[in-house]
Structure formats: structure tokens, C-alpha cells
Amino acid sequence: MRSWQVERRKRTRHLIELGGLMVKSGIVDLTGDDRAPIYGALLWMADKLTSEDGERARELWAGKGKEAFAAEQETKTPTTSHPQQDRP
């Protein structure tokens, strides 16, 4: 595979993952899949991140995201094991 194809696939995967985060967060459903408020919110976030409060916002949002990922991981990890039964 050519290097430009590898890079294109990496970029495509990255964009798909970012879109998945939009769906996972509930934003897509909450906005009725209307791109204008989603884009507006992203622009607001970008403004906030470049403001004097940017570092604080980044820390707060990162903390909330990490908590959500951890909570999701806990629900995926089985807490009990089911030993396989021996057959006669």
C-alpha cells in the first residue's frame, strides 16, 4: 500500500472516531442531527479554549470525559466469571 493511502486511511479513521464521539455524547440526538447548533457549539468551545479561561475549561472537560470513559469501561468489564462446565 502506498504511503498516501496509509495516511488517508489514518485520517479517515480519525474522522470516524471524532464523529463517533459526537454520537456517543448524545449531541446528535439532542440537536436532531442539525449541524448548525453542533458547529456553533464547537466554535464556542474553540473560543473558550483560546480565552484566558482556556486551560481551566480544558481541565474540566478532560476530567469529565475521562470519567465518562471510565464509567463506560466499567459497564463493559464483566464483574463475575462464569466457569465453563465440564461435559460428560
C-alpha atoms as a PDB file:
ATOM      1  CA  MET A   1       0.000   0.000   0.000  1.00  0.00           C
ATOM      2  CA  ARG A   2       1.310   3.446  -0.840  1.00  0.00           C
ATOM      3  CA  SER A   3       2.154   5.918   1.907  1.00  0.00           C
ATOM      4  CA  TRP A   4      -0.571   8.357   0.815  1.00  0.00           C
ATOM      5  CA  GLN A   5      -3.127   5.544   1.102  1.00  0.00           C
ATOM      6  CA  VAL A   6      -1.952   4.704   4.615  1.00  0.00           C
ATOM      7  CA  GLU A   7      -2.178   8.371   5.619  1.00  0.00           C
ATOM      8  CA  ARG A   8      -5.619   8.697   4.047  1.00  0.00           C
ATOM      9  CA  ARG A   9      -6.871   5.661   5.979  1.00  0.00           C
ATOM     10  CA  LYS A  10      -5.444   7.053   9.224  1.00  0.00           C
ATOM     11  CA  ARG A  11      -7.203  10.370   8.611  1.00  0.00           C
ATOM     12  CA  THR A  12     -10.463   8.633   7.715  1.00  0.00           C
ATOM     13  CA  ARG A  13     -10.323   6.536  10.890  1.00  0.00           C
ATOM     14  CA  HIS A  14      -9.595   9.645  12.957  1.00  0.00           C
ATOM     15  CA  LEU A  15     -12.575  11.493  11.486  1.00  0.00           C
ATOM     16  CA  ILE A  16     -14.860   8.499  12.049  1.00  0.00           C
ATOM     17  CA  GLU A  17     -13.743   8.289  15.683  1.00  0.00           C
ATOM     18  CA  LEU A  18     -14.459  12.002  16.186  1.00  0.00           C
ATOM     19  CA  GLY A  19     -17.910  11.561  14.665  1.00  0.00           C
ATOM     20  CA  GLY A  20     -18.468   8.610  16.968  1.00  0.00           C
ATOM     21  CA  LEU A  21     -17.745  10.834  19.952  1.00  0.00           C
ATOM     22  CA  MET A  22     -20.438  13.229  18.755  1.00  0.00           C
ATOM     23  CA  VAL A  23     -22.955  10.385  18.648  1.00  0.00           C
ATOM     24  CA  LYS A  24     -21.740   8.864  21.933  1.00  0.00           C
ATOM     25  CA  SER A  25     -22.121  12.194  23.734  1.00  0.00           C
ATOM     26  CA  GLY A  26     -25.764  12.404  22.703  1.00  0.00           C
ATOM     27  CA  ILE A  27     -25.252  15.690  20.855  1.00  0.00           C
ATOM     28  CA  VAL A  28     -26.512  14.311  17.559  1.00  0.00           C
ATOM     29  CA  ASP A  29     -29.823  13.181  19.058  1.00  0.00           C
ATOM     30  CA  LEU A  30     -30.215  16.281  21.240  1.00  0.00           C
ATOM     31  CA  THR A  31     -29.865  18.564  18.219  1.00  0.00           C
ATOM     32  CA  GLY A  32     -31.981  16.421  15.924  1.00  0.00           C
ATOM     33  CA  ASP A  33     -28.887  15.880  13.771  1.00  0.00           C
ATOM     34  CA  ASP A  34     -28.880  19.609  12.940  1.00  0.00           C
ATOM     35  CA  ARG A  35     -25.319  20.537  12.090  1.00  0.00           C
ATOM     36  CA  ALA A  36     -25.704  24.283  12.740  1.00  0.00           C
ATOM     37  CA  PRO A  37     -26.003  24.046  16.550  1.00  0.00           C
ATOM     38  CA  ILE A  38     -23.331  21.341  16.673  1.00  0.00           C
ATOM     39  CA  TYR A  39     -20.936  23.518  14.700  1.00  0.00           C
ATOM     40  CA  GLY A  40     -21.907  26.554  16.783  1.00  0.00           C
ATOM     41  CA  ALA A  41     -21.147  24.662  19.992  1.00  0.00           C
ATOM     42  CA  LEU A  42     -17.778  23.559  18.611  1.00  0.00           C
ATOM     43  CA  LEU A  43     -16.955  27.144  17.664  1.00  0.00           C
ATOM     44  CA  TRP A  44     -17.937  28.239  21.180  1.00  0.00           C
ATOM     45  CA  MET A  45     -15.613  25.570  22.595  1.00  0.00           C
ATOM     46  CA  ALA A  46     -12.763  26.763  20.369  1.00  0.00           C
ATOM     47  CA  ASP A  47     -13.320  30.354  21.550  1.00  0.00           C
ATOM     48  CA  LYS A  48     -13.369  29.206  25.165  1.00  0.00           C
ATOM     49  CA  LEU A  49     -10.146  27.200  24.730  1.00  0.00           C
ATOM     50  CA  THR A  50      -8.344  30.229  23.295  1.00  0.00           C
ATOM     51  CA  SER A  51      -9.565  32.563  26.031  1.00  0.00           C
ATOM     52  CA  GLU A  52      -7.843  33.315  29.323  1.00  0.00           C
ATOM     53  CA  ASP A  53     -10.010  30.585  30.898  1.00  0.00           C
ATOM     54  CA  GLY A  54      -8.947  28.074  28.256  1.00  0.00           C
ATOM     55  CA  GLU A  55      -6.704  25.931  30.429  1.00  0.00           C
ATOM     56  CA  ARG A  56      -9.349  25.653  33.143  1.00  0.00           C
ATOM     57  CA  ALA A  57     -12.007  24.688  30.573  1.00  0.00           C
ATOM     58  CA  ARG A  58      -9.678  22.088  29.064  1.00  0.00           C
ATOM     59  CA  GLU A  59      -9.022  20.570  32.506  1.00  0.00           C
ATOM     60  CA  LEU A  60     -12.722  20.483  33.406  1.00  0.00           C
ATOM     61  CA  TRP A  61     -13.781  18.997  30.087  1.00  0.00           C
ATOM     62  CA  ALA A  62     -10.935  16.474  30.071  1.00  0.00           C
ATOM     63  CA  GLY A  63     -11.869  15.367  33.579  1.00  0.00           C
ATOM     64  CA  LYS A  64     -15.497  14.911  32.614  1.00  0.00           C
ATOM     65  CA  GLY A  65     -14.508  12.953  29.509  1.00  0.00           C
ATOM     66  CA  LYS A  66     -12.128  10.701  31.425  1.00  0.00           C
ATOM     67  CA  GLU A  67     -14.849   9.982  33.998  1.00  0.00           C
ATOM     68  CA  ALA A  68     -17.302   9.091  31.230  1.00  0.00           C
ATOM     69  CA  PHE A  69     -14.780   6.785  29.518  1.00  0.00           C
ATOM     70  CA  ALA A  70     -14.009   5.099  32.852  1.00  0.00           C
ATOM     71  CA  ALA A  71     -17.706   4.628  33.628  1.00  0.00           C
ATOM     72  CA  GLU A  72     -18.257   3.142  30.178  1.00  0.00           C
ATOM     73  CA  GLN A  73     -15.320   0.800  30.633  1.00  0.00           C
ATOM     74  CA  GLU A  74     -16.723  -0.396  33.974  1.00  0.00           C
ATOM     75  CA  THR A  75     -20.006  -1.358  32.335  1.00  0.00           C
ATOM     76  CA  LYS A  76     -18.169  -3.314  29.634  1.00  0.00           C
ATOM     77  CA  THR A  77     -15.933  -5.236  32.038  1.00  0.00           C
ATOM     78  CA  PRO A  78     -17.679  -8.301  33.448  1.00  0.00           C
ATOM     79  CA  THR A  79     -17.610  -8.372  37.230  1.00  0.00           C
ATOM     80  CA  THR A  80     -18.326 -12.090  37.568  1.00  0.00           C
ATOM     81  CA  SER A  81     -16.856 -15.017  35.764  1.00  0.00           C
ATOM     82  CA  HIS A  82     -18.811 -17.983  34.548  1.00  0.00           C
ATOM     83  CA  PRO A  83     -16.638 -21.101  34.644  1.00  0.00           C
ATOM     84  CA  GLN A  84     -17.188 -23.424  31.764  1.00  0.00           C
ATOM     85  CA  GLN A  85     -18.917 -26.632  32.825  1.00  0.00           C
ATOM     86  CA  ASP A  86     -17.273 -29.946  32.065  1.00  0.00           C
ATOM     87  CA  ARG A  87     -19.147 -32.177  29.669  1.00  0.00           C
ATOM     88  CA  PRO A  88     -19.619 -35.888  30.491  1.00  0.00           C
END
